[in-house]
C-alpha atoms as a PDB file:
ATOM      1  CA  MET A   1      83.468 101.630 118.981  1.00  0.00           C
ATOM      2  CA  GLN A   2      86.723 103.399 118.168  1.00  0.00           C
ATOM      3  CA  ILE A   3      87.583 104.078 114.521  1.00  0.00           C
ATOM      4  CA  TYR A   4      90.816 105.586 113.181  1.00  0.00           C
ATOM      5  CA  HIS A   5      92.093 106.693 109.748  1.00  0.00           C
ATOM      6  CA  ASP A   6      94.918 109.132 108.970  1.00  0.00           C
ATOM      7  CA  SER A   7      95.184 110.116 105.292  1.00  0.00           C
ATOM      8  CA  ARG A   8      98.700 111.494 105.904  1.00  0.00           C
ATOM      9  CA  ASN A   9     100.049 108.237 107.337  1.00  0.00           C
ATOM     10  CA  GLU A  10     101.205 105.532 104.892  1.00  0.00           C
ATOM     11  CA  THR A  11      99.747 102.859 107.191  1.00  0.00           C
ATOM     12  CA  TYR A  12      96.305 104.145 106.226  1.00  0.00           C
ATOM     13  CA  ARG A  13      96.754 105.628 102.719  1.00  0.00           C
ATOM     14  CA  THR A  14      99.259 105.108  99.935  1.00  0.00           C
ATOM     15  CA  PRO A  15     100.324 106.925  97.941  1.00  0.00           C
ATOM     16  CA  PHE A  16     100.271 110.131  99.977  1.00  0.00           C
ATOM     17  CA  GLY A  17      98.914 113.214  98.208  1.00  0.00           C
ATOM     18  CA  ALA A  18      97.654 113.353  94.651  1.00  0.00           C
ATOM     19  CA  ALA A  19      97.538 109.996  92.894  1.00  0.00           C
ATOM     20  CA  GLU A  20      98.305 109.584  89.212  1.00  0.00           C
ATOM     21  CA  ILE A  21      95.470 108.875  86.800  1.00  0.00           C
ATOM     22  CA  ASP A  22      94.680 105.188  86.250  1.00  0.00           C
ATOM     23  CA  SER A  23      96.643 104.079  89.318  1.00  0.00           C
ATOM     24  CA  SER A  24      95.969 102.199  92.562  1.00  0.00           C
ATOM     25  CA  VAL A  25      95.293 103.823  95.923  1.00  0.00           C
ATOM     26  CA  ARG A  26      95.271 101.715  99.099  1.00  0.00           C
ATOM     27  CA  LEU A  27      93.087 102.908 101.973  1.00  0.00           C
ATOM     28  CA  ALA A  28      93.003 101.350 105.417  1.00  0.00           C
ATOM     29  CA  LEU A  29      91.004 101.798 108.596  1.00  0.00           C
ATOM     30  CA  LYS A  30      91.592 100.785 112.204  1.00  0.00           C
ATOM     31  CA  ALA A  31      88.380  99.563 113.830  1.00  0.00           C
ATOM     32  CA  PRO A  32      89.279  96.710 116.185  1.00  0.00           C
ATOM     33  CA  ASP A  33      85.706  96.072 117.394  1.00  0.00           C
ATOM     34  CA  ALA A  34      84.072  96.202 113.952  1.00  0.00           C
ATOM     35  CA  ALA A  35      82.558  93.182 112.252  1.00  0.00           C
ATOM     36  CA  GLY A  36      83.118  94.646 108.793  1.00  0.00           C
ATOM     37  CA  ALA A  37      83.775  97.789 106.756  1.00  0.00           C
ATOM     38  CA  VAL A  38      82.976  99.169 103.320  1.00  0.00           C
ATOM     39  CA  LEU A  39      84.749 102.039 101.548  1.00  0.00           C
ATOM     40  CA  HIS A  40      82.335 104.438  99.822  1.00  0.00           C
ATOM     41  CA  CYS A  41      83.943 106.566  97.071  1.00  0.00           C
ATOM     42  CA  TRP A  42      82.563 109.300  94.843  1.00  0.00           C
ATOM     43  CA  ASN A  43      84.029 111.291  91.948  1.00  0.00           C
ATOM     44  CA  GLN A  44      82.429 113.436  89.226  1.00  0.00           C
ATOM     45  CA  ILE A  45      83.501 111.049  86.434  1.00  0.00           C
ATOM     46  CA  GLU A  46      82.315 107.658  87.729  1.00  0.00           C
ATOM     47  CA  GLY A  47      79.885 108.665  90.481  1.00  0.00           C
ATOM     48  CA  ASP A  48      79.450 106.427  93.548  1.00  0.00           C
ATOM     49  CA  SER A  49      81.233 103.134  94.167  1.00  0.00           C
ATOM     50  CA  LEU A  50      81.314 100.731  97.114  1.00  0.00           C
ATOM     51  CA  HIS A  51      84.393  98.637  97.943  1.00  0.00           C
ATOM     52  CA  PRO A  52      84.178  95.894 100.596  1.00  0.00           C
ATOM     53  CA  MET A  53      87.210  96.081 102.868  1.00  0.00           C
ATOM     54  CA  GLU A  54      89.170  93.011 103.913  1.00  0.00           C
ATOM     55  CA  ARG A  55      90.456  92.552 107.453  1.00  0.00           C
ATOM     56  CA  ARG A  56      94.222  92.079 107.458  1.00  0.00           C
ATOM     57  CA  GLU A  57      96.129  89.929 109.949  1.00  0.00           C
ATOM     58  CA  ASP A  58      97.141  93.068 111.878  1.00  0.00           C
ATOM     59  CA  GLY A  59      93.444  93.940 112.362  1.00  0.00           C
ATOM     60  CA  LEU A  60      93.248  96.828 109.885  1.00  0.00           C
ATOM     61  CA  PHE A  61      90.552  96.878 107.213  1.00  0.00           C
ATOM     62  CA  GLU A  62      91.921  97.574 103.732  1.00  0.00           C
ATOM     63  CA  ALA A  63      90.666  98.264 100.190  1.00  0.00           C
ATOM     64  CA  VAL A  64      92.437  99.197  96.971  1.00  0.00           C
ATOM     65  CA  ILE A  65      90.746 101.431  94.405  1.00  0.00           C
ATOM     66  CA  ARG A  66      91.725 102.498  90.880  1.00  0.00           C
ATOM     67  CA  THR A  67      91.725 106.158  89.982  1.00  0.00           C
ATOM     68  CA  PRO A  68      89.851 107.199  86.806  1.00  0.00           C
ATOM     69  CA  SER A  69      91.671 107.743  83.500  1.00  0.00           C
ATOM     70  CA  GLU A  70      90.954 111.491  83.808  1.00  0.00           C
ATOM     71  CA  GLY A  71      92.096 113.749  86.621  1.00  0.00           C
ATOM     72  CA  CYS A  72      89.477 114.420  89.297  1.00  0.00           C
ATOM     73  CA  LEU A  73      88.891 114.674  93.020  1.00  0.00           C
ATOM     74  CA  ILE A  74      87.851 111.521  94.852  1.00  0.00           C
ATOM     75  CA  TRP A  75      85.850 111.790  98.070  1.00  0.00           C
ATOM     76  CA  TYR A  76      85.614 108.809 100.375  1.00  0.00           C
ATOM     77  CA  TYR A  77      84.258 107.670 103.705  1.00  0.00           C
ATOM     78  CA  PHE A  78      83.981 104.400 105.590  1.00  0.00           C
ATOM     79  CA  ILE A  79      80.831 102.471 106.523  1.00  0.00           C
ATOM     80  CA  VAL A  80      81.645 100.409 109.606  1.00  0.00           C
ATOM     81  CA  SER A  81      79.465  97.718 111.179  1.00  0.00           C
END
């Protein structure tokens, strides 16, 4: 299975770079052979969170998260099935 994500490409992540507090961040993943995908996020304020990703018409999986109301780093990875 091939999986692709590029955090510097607006197709896969918007906005680029640091996001404002209490704002939306869209993350996408290309995995044409996958049955489903989940976005796993972690930050030191809210801890772990899981976000089911929806398959778009163009085949990308996508999820939108909200950033916390305090500045922090957010780590993420994809769980693909």
